[in-house]
Amino acid sequence: MPPLPRLPLTEKEIVGLFVAQKAIAQYQGTSLQPVLDSAFKKMTAQLDDNVKYSLGGLDEVLSIRAFAPGDAELETFEILTRAVRERRAVRFVYRKHGEVKQVRKCVHPYHVAYVNNQWTLFARDPKAGDVARKFILARLSKPELTAERFTVPGKFDLDKELSGSMGVFKGKDDYTVVVDFDAWGADDVRGRRWHSSQELVELGKGMLRVR
């Protein structure tokens, strides 16, 4: 079988690939690193040598340092993603944010996503009747696949689910929230997307209003 042709990339695509490479590098030393490294090598195996040289050259001008990227036990990650693919209910032990007590859950998993530096399972809890229960993988342990099968009512849309949310937090009503930041706080807020509906207004003297 003849080798596959080398793939040319545009400058924007090269930068995008470099950003992906650096994002993966943040997982150095975590349980997910081998899986991500392997996937990236497969993705770049057919790249033109000039592209690989360009990727290396970008190290001199561009870096990414994420703050505390979320990790997840590889076994937990594999079980949950398999449960999503095979539409199988999964049991696990879970601890809510800020609580010490752990509870056992049996849910119908719909999606695993990386949101705000944390791996999150989106699932329906049949006992609670919620379609959009969210479980942080770092607080989830002892996952077990079950023989129970389920169907997803319609297509799960992560963008729709997170619309209007702050990270993964979402309420049932809409409120107008206005926060004024002094110059020190404004520099941490300015230039970042905190909410899909946000409006930023410069107030002078470095101050910023977020609506």
Protein backbone atom coordinates (compact mmCIF):
# COMPACT_ATOMS: atom_id res chain seq x y z
CA MET A 1 0.00 0.00 0.00
CA PRO A 2 1.54 3.37 -1.02
CA PRO A 3 2.14 5.92 1.74
CA LEU A 4 -0.50 8.58 2.24
CA PRO A 5 0.32 11.99 0.74
CA ARG A 6 1.75 14.67 2.99
CA LEU A 7 -0.85 17.22 4.06
CA PRO A 8 -0.22 20.95 3.55
CA LEU A 9 -1.61 23.31 6.20
CA THR A 10 -2.39 27.01 6.24
CA GLU A 11 -0.69 29.32 8.74
CA LYS A 12 -3.87 29.47 10.84
CA GLU A 13 -4.11 25.67 10.92
CA ILE A 14 -0.46 25.42 11.98
CA VAL A 15 -1.09 27.81 14.88
CA GLY A 16 -4.22 25.85 15.83
CA LEU A 17 -2.25 22.60 15.83
CA PHE A 18 0.47 24.21 17.94
CA VAL A 19 -2.10 25.39 20.49
CA ALA A 20 -3.49 21.83 20.67
CA GLN A 21 0.01 20.47 21.20
CA LYS A 22 0.68 22.90 24.04
CA ALA A 23 -2.69 22.21 25.63
CA ILE A 24 -1.81 18.51 25.71
CA ALA A 25 1.55 19.35 27.27
CA GLN A 26 -0.28 20.70 30.32
CA TYR A 27 -1.19 17.08 31.13
CA GLN A 28 2.47 16.08 31.59
CA GLY A 29 2.64 13.63 34.46
CA THR A 30 -1.12 12.99 34.64
CA SER A 31 -2.91 9.76 33.85
CA LEU A 32 -4.29 11.18 30.60
CA GLN A 33 -0.92 12.15 29.13
CA PRO A 34 -0.18 8.84 27.28
CA VAL A 35 -3.61 8.80 25.64
CA LEU A 36 -3.39 12.44 24.50
CA ASP A 37 0.21 12.04 23.28
CA SER A 38 -0.77 8.99 21.22
CA ALA A 39 -3.76 10.77 19.68
CA PHE A 40 -1.64 13.79 18.73
CA LYS A 41 1.05 11.62 17.11
CA LYS A 42 -1.58 9.88 14.98
CA MET A 43 -3.09 13.23 14.04
CA THR A 44 0.27 14.66 12.90
CA ALA A 45 1.80 11.53 11.36
CA GLN A 46 1.12 12.64 7.80
CA LEU A 47 2.17 16.26 8.16
CA ASP A 48 4.67 17.76 5.78
CA ASP A 49 8.18 18.13 7.24
CA ASN A 50 7.95 21.90 6.71
CA VAL A 51 4.87 21.96 8.92
CA LYS A 52 6.68 20.06 11.67
CA TYR A 53 9.52 22.57 11.41
CA SER A 54 7.02 25.43 11.68
CA LEU A 55 5.52 23.90 14.80
CA GLY A 56 8.96 23.78 16.39
CA GLY A 57 9.69 27.37 15.38
CA LEU A 58 6.55 28.63 17.11
CA ASP A 59 8.07 27.62 20.45
CA GLU A 60 10.14 30.79 20.26
CA VAL A 61 7.13 33.10 19.93
CA LEU A 62 4.14 31.40 21.57
CA SER A 63 3.56 29.54 24.85
CA ILE A 64 0.54 28.36 26.84
CA ARG A 65 0.47 27.98 30.62
CA ALA A 66 -2.95 26.83 31.75
CA PHE A 67 -3.86 27.20 35.42
CA ALA A 68 -4.22 23.79 37.07
CA PRO A 69 -5.64 21.71 34.18
CA GLY A 70 -8.09 19.11 35.42
CA ASP A 71 -6.96 15.51 35.63
CA ALA A 72 -9.04 12.34 35.70
CA GLU A 73 -8.15 8.76 36.49
CA LEU A 74 -7.65 7.00 33.17
CA GLU A 75 -9.77 4.00 34.21
CA THR A 76 -12.63 6.28 35.26
CA PHE A 77 -12.33 8.25 32.02
CA GLU A 78 -12.41 5.09 29.89
CA ILE A 79 -15.40 3.59 31.73
CA LEU A 80 -17.46 6.76 31.44
CA THR A 81 -16.70 7.40 27.78
CA ARG A 82 -17.51 3.76 26.99
CA ALA A 83 -20.81 4.11 28.87
CA VAL A 84 -21.65 7.17 26.76
CA ARG A 85 -20.81 5.40 23.49
CA GLU A 86 -22.70 2.20 24.36
CA ARG A 87 -25.64 3.97 26.04
CA ARG A 88 -25.21 1.98 29.24
CA ALA A 89 -26.12 3.13 32.74
CA VAL A 90 -23.18 3.55 35.08
CA ARG A 91 -22.88 3.41 38.87
CA PHE A 92 -20.36 5.37 40.89
CA VAL A 93 -19.67 7.03 44.23
CA TYR A 94 -19.90 10.82 44.22
CA ARG A 95 -19.16 13.70 46.56
CA LYS A 96 -20.85 17.07 46.03
CA HIS A 97 -18.83 20.26 46.06
CA GLY A 98 -17.75 21.22 49.57
CA GLU A 99 -19.27 18.15 51.19
CA VAL A 100 -17.58 15.24 52.95
CA LYS A 101 -20.40 12.72 52.65
CA GLN A 102 -20.34 10.46 49.58
CA VAL A 103 -23.41 9.03 47.89
CA ARG A 104 -23.94 6.23 45.37
CA LYS A 105 -25.39 7.19 42.00
CA CYS A 106 -26.73 5.30 39.00
CA VAL A 107 -27.14 7.56 35.98
CA HIS A 108 -27.58 7.59 32.21
CA PRO A 109 -24.42 9.28 30.86
CA TYR A 110 -24.87 11.57 27.84
CA HIS A 111 -21.56 13.38 27.41
CA VAL A 112 -18.10 13.97 28.89
CA ALA A 113 -16.74 17.50 28.43
CA TYR A 114 -13.81 19.62 29.57
CA VAL A 115 -15.33 22.81 31.03
CA ASN A 116 -13.43 25.45 33.02
CA ASN A 117 -10.38 23.24 33.51
CA GLN A 118 -12.44 20.32 34.83
CA TRP A 119 -13.61 17.08 33.24
CA THR A 120 -17.37 16.88 33.69
CA LEU A 121 -19.92 14.12 33.09
CA PHE A 122 -23.35 15.25 31.86
CA ALA A 123 -25.96 12.64 32.70
CA ARG A 124 -29.60 12.03 33.57
CA ASP A 125 -30.37 10.79 37.04
CA PRO A 126 -33.56 8.70 36.65
CA LYS A 127 -34.40 9.17 40.33
CA ALA A 128 -34.14 12.96 40.10
CA GLY A 129 -35.66 13.29 36.63
CA ASP A 130 -33.03 15.80 35.60
CA VAL A 131 -31.56 15.59 32.10
CA ALA A 132 -28.68 17.88 32.91
CA ARG A 133 -27.07 16.60 36.08
CA LYS A 134 -23.35 17.39 36.12
CA PHE A 135 -20.67 15.34 37.88
CA ILE A 136 -17.05 16.47 38.22
CA LEU A 137 -14.76 13.52 37.49
CA ALA A 138 -12.30 14.57 40.22
CA ARG A 139 -15.02 13.92 42.81
CA LEU A 140 -16.25 10.69 41.21
CA SER A 141 -14.89 7.25 42.13
CA LYS A 142 -15.51 3.51 41.75
CA PRO A 143 -17.38 3.70 38.40
CA GLU A 144 -19.06 0.47 37.20
CA LEU A 145 -20.76 -0.27 33.90
CA THR A 146 -24.16 -1.90 34.21
CA ALA A 147 -26.14 -4.07 31.81
CA GLU A 148 -28.95 -1.50 31.73
CA ARG A 149 -29.37 0.22 28.37
CA PHE A 150 -31.05 3.57 27.78
CA THR A 151 -31.99 5.88 24.93
CA VAL A 152 -31.31 9.59 24.71
CA PRO A 153 -34.51 11.58 24.13
CA GLY A 154 -33.41 13.59 21.10
CA LYS A 155 -29.84 14.74 20.54
CA PHE A 156 -27.86 16.01 23.50
CA ASP A 157 -26.57 19.50 22.61
CA LEU A 158 -23.74 20.62 24.89
CA ASP A 159 -23.78 24.19 23.53
CA LYS A 160 -27.48 24.46 24.29
CA GLU A 161 -26.98 22.91 27.72
CA LEU A 162 -24.25 25.42 28.62
CA SER A 163 -26.00 28.40 27.05
CA GLY A 164 -26.32 31.15 29.64
CA SER A 165 -24.27 29.25 32.21
CA MET A 166 -21.29 30.33 34.30
CA GLY A 167 -18.96 27.42 33.67
CA VAL A 168 -21.23 24.44 34.34
CA PHE A 169 -23.49 26.34 36.75
CA LYS A 170 -26.91 27.24 35.42
CA GLY A 171 -30.18 28.34 37.00
CA LYS A 172 -33.76 28.22 35.77
CA ASP A 173 -34.35 31.98 35.49
CA ASP A 174 -32.57 34.92 33.87
CA TYR A 175 -31.28 37.86 35.90
CA THR A 176 -29.42 41.01 34.97
CA VAL A 177 -26.21 41.15 36.98
CA VAL A 178 -23.98 44.24 36.99
CA VAL A 179 -20.53 44.23 38.62
CA ASP A 180 -18.12 47.18 38.73
CA PHE A 181 -14.42 46.37 39.03
CA ASP A 182 -11.66 48.69 40.14
CA ALA A 183 -8.55 48.98 37.99
CA TRP A 184 -6.85 46.04 39.73
CA GLY A 185 -9.80 43.67 39.26
CA ALA A 186 -10.58 44.96 35.76
CA ASP A 187 -7.25 43.71 34.43
CA ASP A 188 -8.21 40.16 35.43
CA VAL A 189 -11.61 40.45 33.75
CA ARG A 190 -10.92 42.47 30.60
CA GLY A 191 -10.33 40.45 27.42
CA ARG A 192 -11.89 37.22 28.70
CA ARG A 193 -15.26 35.63 28.00
CA TRP A 194 -17.02 34.91 31.30
CA HIS A 195 -20.60 34.65 30.01
CA SER A 196 -22.18 34.42 26.56
CA SER A 197 -24.27 37.58 27.10
CA GLN A 198 -21.64 39.74 28.77
CA GLU A 199 -21.18 43.41 27.93
CA LEU A 200 -18.08 45.31 29.05
CA VAL A 201 -18.13 49.07 29.59
CA GLU A 202 -14.99 51.07 30.35
CA LEU A 203 -15.66 53.49 33.24
CA GLY A 204 -12.46 55.49 33.19
CA LYS A 205 -9.46 55.43 35.51
CA GLY A 206 -9.01 51.77 34.54
CA MET A 207 -12.36 50.70 36.00
CA LEU A 208 -14.67 48.29 34.20
CA ARG A 209 -18.38 47.48 34.36
CA VAL A 210 -19.51 43.96 33.48
CA ARG A 211 -23.20 43.43 32.70
